[in-house]
Amino acid sequence: MVMIQVDDVNRMFDEINVLKQNGWKLPTQRNPMKSKQSKMTRKPMRVSNNDKSVAKNTTTGDKAKQAREEARKRLLAAKKAAATQKLQNTENDVQIFIHTDDK
């Protein structure tokens, strides 16, 4: 952790020296995207030669997918039932009062 801070301070002093050499003017900036892209490389994906593991994962995935679909259907049915029940309760709760002046 301390080494990172020391490196950061050294880099700041290097930047100050560059500014001093340029007459305290900012140097022209290079395109940082090009340098980052050249340093970044993708690792190739590992390909498994074991077909049994692939088949096992797909069946497990299919079972999980089916379980999620069933859970969604149950949730949707419960929501519909709750909405229907709420609608019936609100229809029965409506009362109309007529005010009459009996003097």
C-alpha atoms as a PDB file:
ATOM      1  CA  MET A   1       0.000   0.000   0.000  1.00  0.00           C
ATOM      2  CA  VAL A   2       2.801   2.366   0.914  1.00  0.00           C
ATOM      3  CA  MET A   3       4.687   1.442  -2.255  1.00  0.00           C
ATOM      4  CA  ILE A   4       1.694   2.464  -4.354  1.00  0.00           C
ATOM      5  CA  GLN A   5       1.637   5.861  -2.664  1.00  0.00           C
ATOM      6  CA  VAL A   6       5.392   6.279  -3.164  1.00  0.00           C
ATOM      7  CA  ASP A   7       5.020   5.404  -6.848  1.00  0.00           C
ATOM      8  CA  ASP A   8       2.203   7.916  -7.141  1.00  0.00           C
ATOM      9  CA  VAL A   9       4.309  10.681  -5.554  1.00  0.00           C
ATOM     10  CA  ASN A  10       7.266   9.834  -7.825  1.00  0.00           C
ATOM     11  CA  ARG A  11       5.005  10.011 -10.864  1.00  0.00           C
ATOM     12  CA  MET A  12       3.720  13.433  -9.761  1.00  0.00           C
ATOM     13  CA  PHE A  13       7.276  14.724  -9.437  1.00  0.00           C
ATOM     14  CA  ASP A  14       8.086  13.353 -12.896  1.00  0.00           C
ATOM     15  CA  GLU A  15       5.104  15.258 -14.273  1.00  0.00           C
ATOM     16  CA  ILE A  16       6.314  18.434 -12.527  1.00  0.00           C
ATOM     17  CA  ASN A  17       9.783  17.991 -14.071  1.00  0.00           C
ATOM     18  CA  VAL A  18       8.239  17.613 -17.532  1.00  0.00           C
ATOM     19  CA  LEU A  19       6.228  20.798 -16.984  1.00  0.00           C
ATOM     20  CA  LYS A  20       9.365  22.632 -15.840  1.00  0.00           C
ATOM     21  CA  GLN A  21      11.288  21.494 -18.934  1.00  0.00           C
ATOM     22  CA  ASN A  22       8.446  22.696 -21.190  1.00  0.00           C
ATOM     23  CA  GLY A  23       8.458  26.160 -19.616  1.00  0.00           C
ATOM     24  CA  TRP A  24       5.503  25.319 -17.367  1.00  0.00           C
ATOM     25  CA  LYS A  25       3.278  24.527 -20.351  1.00  0.00           C
ATOM     26  CA  LEU A  26       1.231  21.365 -20.556  1.00  0.00           C
ATOM     27  CA  PRO A  27       2.731  18.822 -22.956  1.00  0.00           C
ATOM     28  CA  THR A  28       0.602  17.599 -25.836  1.00  0.00           C
ATOM     29  CA  GLN A  29      -1.480  14.635 -24.770  1.00  0.00           C
ATOM     30  CA  ARG A  30      -1.153  11.341 -26.570  1.00  0.00           C
ATOM     31  CA  ASN A  31      -4.306   9.391 -27.288  1.00  0.00           C
ATOM     32  CA  PRO A  32      -4.655   7.241 -24.142  1.00  0.00           C
ATOM     33  CA  MET A  33      -7.212   4.926 -25.746  1.00  0.00           C
ATOM     34  CA  LYS A  34      -4.714   3.566 -28.252  1.00  0.00           C
ATOM     35  CA  SER A  35      -2.155   2.731 -25.609  1.00  0.00           C
ATOM     36  CA  LYS A  36      -4.761   1.034 -23.403  1.00  0.00           C
ATOM     37  CA  GLN A  37      -6.077  -1.022 -26.277  1.00  0.00           C
ATOM     38  CA  SER A  38      -2.643  -2.240 -27.234  1.00  0.00           C
ATOM     39  CA  LYS A  39      -1.948  -3.408 -23.670  1.00  0.00           C
ATOM     40  CA  MET A  40      -5.258  -5.178 -23.275  1.00  0.00           C
ATOM     41  CA  THR A  41      -5.420  -8.670 -24.681  1.00  0.00           C
ATOM     42  CA  ARG A  42      -8.166 -11.205 -24.454  1.00  0.00           C
ATOM     43  CA  LYS A  43      -7.522 -14.625 -23.086  1.00  0.00           C
ATOM     44  CA  PRO A  44      -8.827 -17.432 -25.251  1.00  0.00           C
ATOM     45  CA  MET A  45     -11.758 -19.336 -23.836  1.00  0.00           C
ATOM     46  CA  ARG A  46     -11.113 -22.819 -22.570  1.00  0.00           C
ATOM     47  CA  VAL A  47     -12.902 -25.483 -24.503  1.00  0.00           C
ATOM     48  CA  SER A  48     -13.802 -28.557 -22.554  1.00  0.00           C
ATOM     49  CA  ASN A  49     -13.391 -31.913 -24.228  1.00  0.00           C
ATOM     50  CA  ASN A  50     -15.646 -33.538 -21.665  1.00  0.00           C
ATOM     51  CA  ASP A  51     -19.100 -33.786 -23.301  1.00  0.00           C
ATOM     52  CA  LYS A  52     -20.638 -35.343 -20.187  1.00  0.00           C
ATOM     53  CA  SER A  53     -20.181 -32.167 -18.165  1.00  0.00           C
ATOM     54  CA  VAL A  54     -21.823 -30.117 -20.899  1.00  0.00           C
ATOM     55  CA  ALA A  55     -24.802 -32.451 -21.042  1.00  0.00           C
ATOM     56  CA  LYS A  56     -25.121 -32.420 -17.253  1.00  0.00           C
ATOM     57  CA  ASN A  57     -25.047 -28.619 -17.141  1.00  0.00           C
ATOM     58  CA  THR A  58     -27.689 -28.296 -19.846  1.00  0.00           C
ATOM     59  CA  THR A  59     -30.066 -30.694 -18.117  1.00  0.00           C
ATOM     60  CA  THR A  60     -29.524 -28.878 -14.830  1.00  0.00           C
ATOM     61  CA  GLY A  61     -30.111 -25.591 -16.635  1.00  0.00           C
ATOM     62  CA  ASP A  62     -33.257 -26.968 -18.250  1.00  0.00           C
ATOM     63  CA  LYS A  63     -34.580 -28.085 -14.875  1.00  0.00           C
ATOM     64  CA  ALA A  64     -33.836 -24.699 -13.366  1.00  0.00           C
ATOM     65  CA  LYS A  65     -35.468 -22.956 -16.300  1.00  0.00           C
ATOM     66  CA  GLN A  66     -38.564 -25.106 -15.970  1.00  0.00           C
ATOM     67  CA  ALA A  67     -38.722 -24.433 -12.209  1.00  0.00           C
ATOM     68  CA  ARG A  68     -38.473 -20.678 -12.824  1.00  0.00           C
ATOM     69  CA  GLU A  69     -41.254 -20.809 -15.405  1.00  0.00           C
ATOM     70  CA  GLU A  70     -43.507 -22.731 -13.020  1.00  0.00           C
ATOM     71  CA  ALA A  71     -42.766 -20.245 -10.238  1.00  0.00           C
ATOM     72  CA  ARG A  72     -43.626 -17.363 -12.573  1.00  0.00           C
ATOM     73  CA  LYS A  73     -46.916 -19.003 -13.509  1.00  0.00           C
ATOM     74  CA  ARG A  74     -47.825 -19.560  -9.847  1.00  0.00           C
ATOM     75  CA  LEU A  75     -46.939 -15.965  -9.009  1.00  0.00           C
ATOM     76  CA  LEU A  76     -49.006 -14.655 -11.916  1.00  0.00           C
ATOM     77  CA  ALA A  77     -51.982 -16.784 -10.869  1.00  0.00           C
ATOM     78  CA  ALA A  78     -51.683 -15.550  -7.277  1.00  0.00           C
ATOM     79  CA  LYS A  79     -51.532 -11.932  -8.445  1.00  0.00           C
ATOM     80  CA  LYS A  80     -54.594 -12.403 -10.647  1.00  0.00           C
ATOM     81  CA  ALA A  81     -56.508 -14.024  -7.798  1.00  0.00           C
ATOM     82  CA  ALA A  82     -55.549 -11.205  -5.424  1.00  0.00           C
ATOM     83  CA  ALA A  83     -56.559  -8.556  -7.944  1.00  0.00           C
ATOM     84  CA  THR A  84     -59.909 -10.289  -8.555  1.00  0.00           C
ATOM     85  CA  GLN A  85     -60.544 -10.603  -4.816  1.00  0.00           C
ATOM     86  CA  LYS A  86     -59.668  -6.945  -4.276  1.00  0.00           C
ATOM     87  CA  LEU A  87     -61.969  -5.880  -7.092  1.00  0.00           C
ATOM     88  CA  GLN A  88     -64.868  -7.902  -5.631  1.00  0.00           C
ATOM     89  CA  ASN A  89     -64.247  -6.467  -2.174  1.00  0.00           C
ATOM     90  CA  THR A  90     -64.236  -2.888  -3.424  1.00  0.00           C
ATOM     91  CA  GLU A  91     -67.467  -3.420  -5.370  1.00  0.00           C
ATOM     92  CA  ASN A  92     -69.244  -4.707  -2.257  1.00  0.00           C
ATOM     93  CA  ASP A  93     -67.881  -1.957  -0.030  1.00  0.00           C
ATOM     94  CA  VAL A  94     -69.346   0.903  -2.049  1.00  0.00           C
ATOM     95  CA  GLN A  95     -72.156   2.581  -0.130  1.00  0.00           C
ATOM     96  CA  ILE A  96     -74.230   5.492  -1.342  1.00  0.00           C
ATOM     97  CA  PHE A  97     -75.620   7.905   1.195  1.00  0.00           C
ATOM     98  CA  ILE A  98     -78.370  10.345   0.325  1.00  0.00           C
ATOM     99  CA  HIS A  99     -78.626  13.275   2.629  1.00  0.00           C
ATOM    100  CA  THR A 100     -82.098  14.484   3.341  1.00  0.00           C
ATOM    101  CA  ASP A 101     -82.988  17.516   5.369  1.00  0.00           C
ATOM    102  CA  ASP A 102     -85.672  16.536   7.847  1.00  0.00           C
ATOM    103  CA  LYS A 103     -86.530  19.676   9.763  1.00  0.00           C
END
